[in-house]
C-alpha atoms as a PDB file:
ATOM      1  CA  MET A   1     -22.354   9.654  29.758  1.00  0.00           C
ATOM      2  CA  ASN A   2     -19.001   9.617  31.022  1.00  0.00           C
ATOM      3  CA  PRO A   3     -16.817   7.548  28.978  1.00  0.00           C
ATOM      4  CA  THR A   4     -15.884   3.655  30.337  1.00  0.00           C
ATOM      5  CA  ILE A   5     -12.569   2.042  30.640  1.00  0.00           C
ATOM      6  CA  LEU A   6     -12.125  -1.264  30.919  1.00  0.00           C
ATOM      7  CA  ILE A   7      -8.903  -2.483  32.963  1.00  0.00           C
ATOM      8  CA  ILE A   8      -7.466  -5.835  33.083  1.00  0.00           C
ATOM      9  CA  ASP A   9      -4.619  -6.474  35.001  1.00  0.00           C
ATOM     10  CA  ASP A  10      -3.684  -8.660  37.550  1.00  0.00           C
ATOM     11  CA  ASP A  11      -2.643  -5.840  40.155  1.00  0.00           C
ATOM     12  CA  GLU A  12      -5.210  -4.939  42.433  1.00  0.00           C
ATOM     13  CA  LYS A  13      -3.818  -2.581  44.098  1.00  0.00           C
ATOM     14  CA  LEU A  14      -3.046  -0.858  40.878  1.00  0.00           C
ATOM     15  CA  ASN A  15      -6.396  -1.621  39.461  1.00  0.00           C
ATOM     16  CA  SER A  16      -8.286   0.293  42.347  1.00  0.00           C
ATOM     17  CA  LEU A  17      -5.724   3.347  41.889  1.00  0.00           C
ATOM     18  CA  LEU A  18      -6.754   3.831  38.931  1.00  0.00           C
ATOM     19  CA  GLN A  19      -9.912   4.063  39.387  1.00  0.00           C
ATOM     20  CA  GLY A  20      -9.785   6.665  41.487  1.00  0.00           C
ATOM     21  CA  TYR A  21      -7.352   8.590  39.473  1.00  0.00           C
ATOM     22  CA  LEU A  22      -9.504   8.177  36.312  1.00  0.00           C
ATOM     23  CA  LYS A  23     -12.892   9.242  38.111  1.00  0.00           C
ATOM     24  CA  ASP A  24     -11.668  13.012  38.123  1.00  0.00           C
ATOM     25  CA  PHE A  25     -11.322  13.483  34.631  1.00  0.00           C
ATOM     26  CA  GLY A  26     -15.074  12.390  33.852  1.00  0.00           C
ATOM     27  CA  LEU A  27     -13.959   8.758  33.362  1.00  0.00           C
ATOM     28  CA  HIS A  28     -16.301   5.147  34.519  1.00  0.00           C
ATOM     29  CA  VAL A  29     -13.832   3.159  35.243  1.00  0.00           C
ATOM     30  CA  ILE A  30     -14.386  -0.948  35.603  1.00  0.00           C
ATOM     31  CA  ALA A  31     -11.455  -3.800  36.437  1.00  0.00           C
ATOM     32  CA  ALA A  32     -11.095  -7.516  35.822  1.00  0.00           C
ATOM     33  CA  THR A  33      -8.333  -9.283  37.161  1.00  0.00           C
ATOM     34  CA  HIS A  34      -8.463 -12.387  35.269  1.00  0.00           C
ATOM     35  CA  PRO A  35      -8.551 -12.524  31.208  1.00  0.00           C
ATOM     36  CA  LYS A  36     -11.798 -14.658  31.252  1.00  0.00           C
ATOM     37  CA  GLU A  37     -13.135 -12.049  33.984  1.00  0.00           C
ATOM     38  CA  GLY A  38     -12.308  -9.167  31.328  1.00  0.00           C
ATOM     39  CA  LEU A  39     -13.733 -10.942  27.893  1.00  0.00           C
ATOM     40  CA  GLU A  40     -16.872 -11.597  30.106  1.00  0.00           C
ATOM     41  CA  ARG A  41     -16.535  -7.577  31.391  1.00  0.00           C
ATOM     42  CA  LEU A  42     -16.194  -6.226  27.365  1.00  0.00           C
ATOM     43  CA  GLU A  43     -19.337  -8.460  26.500  1.00  0.00           C
ATOM     44  CA  LYS A  44     -21.041  -7.706  29.204  1.00  0.00           C
ATOM     45  CA  ASP A  45     -20.243  -3.693  29.756  1.00  0.00           C
ATOM     46  CA  SER A  46     -19.834  -2.923  26.433  1.00  0.00           C
ATOM     47  CA  PRO A  47     -16.251  -0.470  27.067  1.00  0.00           C
ATOM     48  CA  ASN A  48     -14.916   2.612  25.392  1.00  0.00           C
ATOM     49  CA  LEU A  49     -11.654   1.674  25.426  1.00  0.00           C
ATOM     50  CA  ILE A  50      -9.138  -0.929  27.648  1.00  0.00           C
ATOM     51  CA  ILE A  51      -6.019  -0.857  29.159  1.00  0.00           C
ATOM     52  CA  LEU A  52      -4.566  -4.135  29.227  1.00  0.00           C
ATOM     53  CA  ASP A  53      -1.346  -5.254  30.532  1.00  0.00           C
ATOM     54  CA  ILE A  54       0.969  -8.336  29.030  1.00  0.00           C
ATOM     55  CA  MET A  55       1.652 -10.154  32.262  1.00  0.00           C
ATOM     56  CA  LEU A  56      -1.272 -12.011  33.096  1.00  0.00           C
ATOM     57  CA  PRO A  57      -1.915 -15.721  34.538  1.00  0.00           C
ATOM     58  CA  ASP A  58      -3.450 -18.526  32.402  1.00  0.00           C
ATOM     59  CA  MET A  59      -3.049 -16.270  28.918  1.00  0.00           C
ATOM     60  CA  ASP A  60      -1.148 -13.459  28.241  1.00  0.00           C
ATOM     61  CA  GLY A  61      -2.386  -9.921  26.623  1.00  0.00           C
ATOM     62  CA  PHE A  62      -1.293 -10.445  23.352  1.00  0.00           C
ATOM     63  CA  GLU A  63      -3.378 -13.814  23.563  1.00  0.00           C
ATOM     64  CA  VAL A  64      -6.281 -11.664  25.170  1.00  0.00           C
ATOM     65  CA  CYS A  65      -5.343  -8.829  22.481  1.00  0.00           C
ATOM     66  CA  LYS A  66      -5.696 -11.186  19.625  1.00  0.00           C
ATOM     67  CA  THR A  67      -9.189 -12.847  21.121  1.00  0.00           C
ATOM     68  CA  ILE A  68     -10.586  -8.933  21.163  1.00  0.00           C
ATOM     69  CA  ARG A  69      -9.721  -8.209  17.538  1.00  0.00           C
ATOM     70  CA  LYS A  70     -11.905 -11.600  16.392  1.00  0.00           C
ATOM     71  CA  THR A  71     -14.418  -9.570  17.434  1.00  0.00           C
ATOM     72  CA  SER A  72     -14.340  -5.500  18.558  1.00  0.00           C
ATOM     73  CA  GLN A  73     -11.796  -3.001  16.920  1.00  0.00           C
ATOM     74  CA  ILE A  74     -12.225  -1.684  20.421  1.00  0.00           C
ATOM     75  CA  PRO A  75      -9.365   1.156  21.308  1.00  0.00           C
ATOM     76  CA  ILE A  76      -7.239  -0.893  23.528  1.00  0.00           C
ATOM     77  CA  ILE A  77      -3.594   0.473  24.791  1.00  0.00           C
ATOM     78  CA  MET A  78      -1.128  -2.401  26.502  1.00  0.00           C
ATOM     79  CA  LEU A  79       1.231  -1.687  29.759  1.00  0.00           C
ATOM     80  CA  THR A  80       4.278  -3.280  28.800  1.00  0.00           C
ATOM     81  CA  ALA A  81       7.858  -3.997  30.525  1.00  0.00           C
ATOM     82  CA  ARG A  82      10.124  -1.012  30.921  1.00  0.00           C
ATOM     83  CA  GLY A  83      12.514  -1.580  28.191  1.00  0.00           C
ATOM     84  CA  GLU A  84      10.500  -4.136  26.465  1.00  0.00           C
ATOM     85  CA  VAL A  85      10.835  -3.247  22.579  1.00  0.00           C
ATOM     86  CA  MET A  86      10.060  -6.430  21.120  1.00  0.00           C
ATOM     87  CA  ASP A  87       6.629  -6.248  23.526  1.00  0.00           C
ATOM     88  CA  ARG A  88       5.652  -2.952  21.933  1.00  0.00           C
ATOM     89  CA  VAL A  89       5.869  -3.771  18.590  1.00  0.00           C
ATOM     90  CA  VAL A  90       4.245  -7.077  19.271  1.00  0.00           C
ATOM     91  CA  GLY A  91       1.597  -5.603  20.491  1.00  0.00           C
ATOM     92  CA  LEU A  92       1.399  -2.916  18.263  1.00  0.00           C
ATOM     93  CA  GLU A  93       1.283  -5.443  14.951  1.00  0.00           C
ATOM     94  CA  ILE A  94      -1.734  -7.649  16.375  1.00  0.00           C
ATOM     95  CA  GLY A  95      -3.925  -4.765  16.906  1.00  0.00           C
ATOM     96  CA  ALA A  96      -2.920  -2.499  19.946  1.00  0.00           C
ATOM     97  CA  ASP A  97      -3.666   1.138  19.604  1.00  0.00           C
ATOM     98  CA  ASP A  98      -0.949   2.153  21.566  1.00  0.00           C
ATOM     99  CA  TYR A  99       1.611   1.463  24.447  1.00  0.00           C
ATOM    100  CA  LEU A 100       2.925   2.589  27.807  1.00  0.00           C
ATOM    101  CA  PRO A 101       5.707   0.873  30.002  1.00  0.00           C
ATOM    102  CA  LYS A 102       5.705   0.334  33.450  1.00  0.00           C
ATOM    103  CA  PRO A 103       5.869   1.829  35.622  1.00  0.00           C
ATOM    104  CA  PHE A 104       4.288   5.328  34.320  1.00  0.00           C
ATOM    105  CA  GLU A 105       2.816   8.290  35.463  1.00  0.00           C
ATOM    106  CA  PRO A 106      -0.946   8.318  35.766  1.00  0.00           C
ATOM    107  CA  ARG A 107      -1.388  11.757  34.256  1.00  0.00           C
ATOM    108  CA  GLU A 108       0.157  10.626  30.983  1.00  0.00           C
ATOM    109  CA  LEU A 109      -2.124   7.260  30.828  1.00  0.00           C
ATOM    110  CA  VAL A 110      -4.842  10.005  30.949  1.00  0.00           C
ATOM    111  CA  ALA A 111      -3.542  11.223  27.789  1.00  0.00           C
ATOM    112  CA  ARG A 112      -3.075   9.048  26.411  1.00  0.00           C
ATOM    113  CA  ILE A 113      -6.925   8.057  26.618  1.00  0.00           C
ATOM    114  CA  GLN A 114      -8.045  11.333  26.036  1.00  0.00           C
ATOM    115  CA  SER A 115      -5.801  11.426  23.127  1.00  0.00           C
ATOM    116  CA  ILE A 116      -7.375   7.681  21.207  1.00  0.00           C
ATOM    117  CA  LEU A 117     -11.207   8.695  22.787  1.00  0.00           C
ATOM    118  CA  ARG A 118     -11.014  12.329  21.359  1.00  0.00           C
ATOM    119  CA  ARG A 119      -9.519  11.016  17.709  1.00  0.00           C
ATOM    120  CA  ALA A 120     -12.566   8.616  18.018  1.00  0.00           C
ATOM    121  CA  LYS A 121     -15.509  10.684  18.686  1.00  0.00           C
ATOM    122  CA  SER A 122     -14.052  13.300  15.950  1.00  0.00           C
ATOM    123  CA  ALA A 123     -13.636  10.491  12.726  1.00  0.00           C
ATOM    124  CA  ASP A 124     -16.876  12.126  11.307  1.00  0.00           C
ATOM    125  CA  ASN A 125     -14.900  15.697  10.866  1.00  0.00           C
ATOM    126  CA  GLN A 126     -11.344  15.067   9.266  1.00  0.00           C
ATOM    127  CA  THR A 127     -12.984  15.555   5.941  1.00  0.00           C
ATOM    128  CA  GLU A 128     -15.924  17.996   4.817  1.00  0.00           C
ATOM    129  CA  GLU A 129     -17.727  14.756   3.240  1.00  0.00           C
ATOM    130  CA  ASP A 130     -19.274  12.227   4.582  1.00  0.00           C
ATOM    131  CA  THR A 131     -18.459   9.148   2.211  1.00  0.00           C
ATOM    132  CA  LEU A 132     -15.098   8.887  -0.734  1.00  0.00           C
ATOM    133  CA  GLN A 133     -14.589   6.574  -3.015  1.00  0.00           C
ATOM    134  CA  PHE A 134     -11.177   5.723  -4.153  1.00  0.00           C
ATOM    135  CA  GLY A 135     -11.446   3.076  -6.795  1.00  0.00           C
ATOM    136  CA  GLU A 136     -12.634   0.119  -4.975  1.00  0.00           C
ATOM    137  CA  MET A 137     -12.093   1.578  -1.724  1.00  0.00           C
ATOM    138  CA  VAL A 138     -15.031   3.249   0.131  1.00  0.00           C
ATOM    139  CA  ILE A 139     -14.492   5.195   3.369  1.00  0.00           C
ATOM    140  CA  ASN A 140     -17.464   6.898   5.786  1.00  0.00           C
ATOM    141  CA  PHE A 141     -16.146   8.878   8.137  1.00  0.00           C
ATOM    142  CA  PRO A 142     -19.294   9.072  10.583  1.00  0.00           C
ATOM    143  CA  LYS A 143     -19.500   5.770  10.359  1.00  0.00           C
ATOM    144  CA  GLN A 144     -15.348   4.920  10.636  1.00  0.00           C
ATOM    145  CA  THR A 145     -16.124   2.260   7.809  1.00  0.00           C
ATOM    146  CA  VAL A 146     -14.488   1.013   5.302  1.00  0.00           C
ATOM    147  CA  HIS A 147     -14.988  -1.119   2.183  1.00  0.00           C
ATOM    148  CA  LEU A 148     -12.934  -2.832  -0.493  1.00  0.00           C
ATOM    149  CA  ARG A 149     -14.842  -4.327  -2.692  1.00  0.00           C
ATOM    150  CA  GLU A 150     -18.110  -4.044  -1.155  1.00  0.00           C
ATOM    151  CA  SER A 151     -16.546  -5.540   1.699  1.00  0.00           C
ATOM    152  CA  ILE A 152     -16.025  -4.061   4.808  1.00  0.00           C
ATOM    153  CA  VAL A 153     -11.983  -4.131   6.320  1.00  0.00           C
ATOM    154  CA  ASP A 154     -11.884  -4.200   9.706  1.00  0.00           C
ATOM    155  CA  LEU A 155      -9.418  -1.438  10.862  1.00  0.00           C
ATOM    156  CA  THR A 156      -8.658  -0.486  15.107  1.00  0.00           C
ATOM    157  CA  THR A 157      -8.807   3.413  15.386  1.00  0.00           C
ATOM    158  CA  THR A 158      -5.507   3.856  15.528  1.00  0.00           C
ATOM    159  CA  GLU A 159      -5.592   2.393  12.046  1.00  0.00           C
ATOM    160  CA  PHE A 160      -8.627   4.172  11.114  1.00  0.00           C
ATOM    161  CA  ALA A 161      -6.650   7.648  12.012  1.00  0.00           C
ATOM    162  CA  ALA A 162      -4.508   6.855  10.287  1.00  0.00           C
ATOM    163  CA  LEU A 163      -5.592   6.584   6.485  1.00  0.00           C
ATOM    164  CA  SER A 164      -8.486   9.666   7.617  1.00  0.00           C
ATOM    165  CA  LEU A 165      -5.439  11.711   8.295  1.00  0.00           C
ATOM    166  CA  LEU A 166      -3.808  10.766   4.424  1.00  0.00           C
ATOM    167  CA  VAL A 167      -6.466  11.397   3.171  1.00  0.00           C
ATOM    168  CA  LYS A 168      -7.383  14.527   4.335  1.00  0.00           C
ATOM    169  CA  ASN A 169      -3.966  15.769   2.919  1.00  0.00           C
ATOM    170  CA  PRO A 170      -3.773  13.835  -0.955  1.00  0.00           C
ATOM    171  CA  GLY A 171      -0.474  13.874  -2.145  1.00  0.00           C
ATOM    172  CA  VAL A 172       1.249  15.616   0.771  1.00  0.00           C
ATOM    173  CA  VAL A 173       4.229  13.766   2.276  1.00  0.00           C
ATOM    174  CA  LEU A 174       3.848  13.381   6.029  1.00  0.00           C
ATOM    175  CA  ASN A 175       6.649  12.924   7.903  1.00  0.00           C
ATOM    176  CA  ARG A 176       6.542  10.296  10.672  1.00  0.00           C
ATOM    177  CA  ASP A 177       6.976  12.716  13.542  1.00  0.00           C
ATOM    178  CA  GLN A 178       3.744  14.662  12.014  1.00  0.00           C
ATOM    179  CA  ILE A 179       1.329  11.290  11.705  1.00  0.00           C
ATOM    180  CA  LEU A 180       2.716  10.470  15.420  1.00  0.00           C
ATOM    181  CA  GLU A 181       1.645  13.975  16.884  1.00  0.00           C
ATOM    182  CA  THR A 182      -2.032  13.675  15.318  1.00  0.00           C
ATOM    183  CA  LEU A 183      -2.733   9.985  16.117  1.00  0.00           C
ATOM    184  CA  ARG A 184      -1.037  10.057  19.364  1.00  0.00           C
ATOM    185  CA  GLY A 185      -1.143  13.886  20.529  1.00  0.00           C
ATOM    186  CA  ILE A 186       2.133  13.608  22.495  1.00  0.00           C
ATOM    187  CA  GLU A 187       5.884  12.879  23.001  1.00  0.00           C
ATOM    188  CA  CYS A 188       7.031   9.724  22.004  1.00  0.00           C
ATOM    189  CA  ASP A 189       9.925   7.712  22.409  1.00  0.00           C
ATOM    190  CA  ALA A 190      12.858   8.354  19.939  1.00  0.00           C
ATOM    191  CA  PHE A 191      13.284   4.505  18.781  1.00  0.00           C
ATOM    192  CA  ASN A 192       9.457   3.778  17.661  1.00  0.00           C
ATOM    193  CA  ARG A 193       8.048   1.674  14.993  1.00  0.00           C
ATOM    194  CA  SER A 194       4.485   2.619  15.663  1.00  0.00           C
ATOM    195  CA  VAL A 195       3.843   4.016  12.240  1.00  0.00           C
ATOM    196  CA  ASP A 196       5.750   1.902  10.274  1.00  0.00           C
ATOM    197  CA  ILE A 197       3.843  -1.017  12.006  1.00  0.00           C
ATOM    198  CA  THR A 198       0.253   1.191  11.744  1.00  0.00           C
ATOM    199  CA  MET A 199       1.116   1.778   8.124  1.00  0.00           C
ATOM    200  CA  SER A 200       2.217  -1.857   6.989  1.00  0.00           C
ATOM    201  CA  ARG A 201      -1.273  -2.991   8.652  1.00  0.00           C
ATOM    202  CA  LEU A 202      -3.255  -0.639   7.187  1.00  0.00           C
ATOM    203  CA  ARG A 203      -1.729  -1.548   3.500  1.00  0.00           C
ATOM    204  CA  GLN A 204      -2.457  -5.531   4.099  1.00  0.00           C
ATOM    205  CA  LYS A 205      -5.945  -4.993   4.838  1.00  0.00           C
ATOM    206  CA  LEU A 206      -6.100  -2.296   2.018  1.00  0.00           C
ATOM    207  CA  GLN A 207      -4.381  -5.256  -0.061  1.00  0.00           C
ATOM    208  CA  ASP A 208      -2.139  -2.381  -1.089  1.00  0.00           C
ATOM    209  CA  ASP A 209       1.137  -3.849  -2.411  1.00  0.00           C
ATOM    210  CA  ALA A 210       3.834  -1.551  -0.605  1.00  0.00           C
ATOM    211  CA  LYS A 211       6.071  -2.075  -4.469  1.00  0.00           C
ATOM    212  CA  ARG A 212       2.880  -0.561  -6.829  1.00  0.00           C
ATOM    213  CA  PRO A 213       0.689   1.035  -4.584  1.00  0.00           C
ATOM    214  CA  THR A 214      -2.925   2.033  -5.411  1.00  0.00           C
ATOM    215  CA  PHE A 215      -3.258   4.304  -2.274  1.00  0.00           C
ATOM    216  CA  ILE A 216      -0.320   4.922   0.068  1.00  0.00           C
ATOM    217  CA  LYS A 217       3.038   5.309  -0.744  1.00  0.00           C
ATOM    218  CA  THR A 218       6.651   5.465   1.036  1.00  0.00           C
ATOM    219  CA  VAL A 219       8.503   8.240   0.384  1.00  0.00           C
ATOM    220  CA  TRP A 220      11.554   6.436   1.823  1.00  0.00           C
ATOM    221  CA  GLY A 221      13.255   9.115   4.240  1.00  0.00           C
ATOM    222  CA  ALA A 222      10.537  11.335   3.903  1.00  0.00           C
ATOM    223  CA  GLY A 223       7.556   9.593   5.041  1.00  0.00           C
ATOM    224  CA  TYR A 224       4.332   8.334   3.397  1.00  0.00           C
ATOM    225  CA  THR A 225       1.557   9.961   0.532  1.00  0.00           C
ATOM    226  CA  PHE A 226      -1.874   9.109  -0.383  1.00  0.00           C
ATOM    227  CA  ILE A 227      -1.929   8.658  -4.527  1.00  0.00           C
ATOM    228  CA  GLY A 228      -5.750   6.990  -4.322  1.00  0.00           C
ATOM    229  CA  ASP A 229      -7.493   8.879  -6.888  1.00  0.00           C
ATOM    230  CA  GLN A 230     -11.226   9.816  -5.730  1.00  0.00           C
ATOM    231  CA  GLN A 231     -14.480   8.918  -7.273  1.00  0.00           C
ATOM    232  CA  LYS A 232     -16.953  11.713  -7.452  1.00  0.00           C
ATOM    233  CA  ASN A 233     -20.001   9.351  -7.090  1.00  0.00           C
ATOM    234  CA  ALA A 234     -18.576   8.175  -3.993  1.00  0.00           C
ATOM    235  CA  ILE A 235     -21.669   6.263  -2.152  1.00  0.00           C
END
């Protein structure tokens, strides 16, 4: 079954063009021009990924993203105005998985969609074991779930992929370029805070103190490394 992509953008012409273009890459596309309609389509059609514009009537893309994140961890790619760095930063901070500045090349959008869908599908292949436990944290790779002290930790696709990458390379210092290459699979902007933002959100959700880390350690000037002690009796 082809992946379903939901576009929430009030530009009807762009929506129509993307519907035709993405279809050629095996993607089923549905579109909404109003946030309310988009949220209704999300609940009704259960898409695999959302393309979300920031500039929307009545409710901007940031508010839509925050509303979605209250109940869903579906991957979100936000469309931002070119040069608006803060828009991109804010989008990532509130839970978007990626961003793309307008105007953009449709093929680049396809690359980003495919990258996110690919890592969501293959997350269970990040380790030879289905479930790993590190202290009070349990990671289930096939289900893409994380429990901390028996409570579920809501991670976005990007956050789970970042955690999986670190766990797969325990003790190895991964720099930002290596992490970006794995998470996004494409060349990124020279000025890019997405790795730091992702790690900050991940630490916050794992209740991991950056100054006295249990799971993720910052190696200043180099990158990040996973320092969790694996338990052999993972459940």
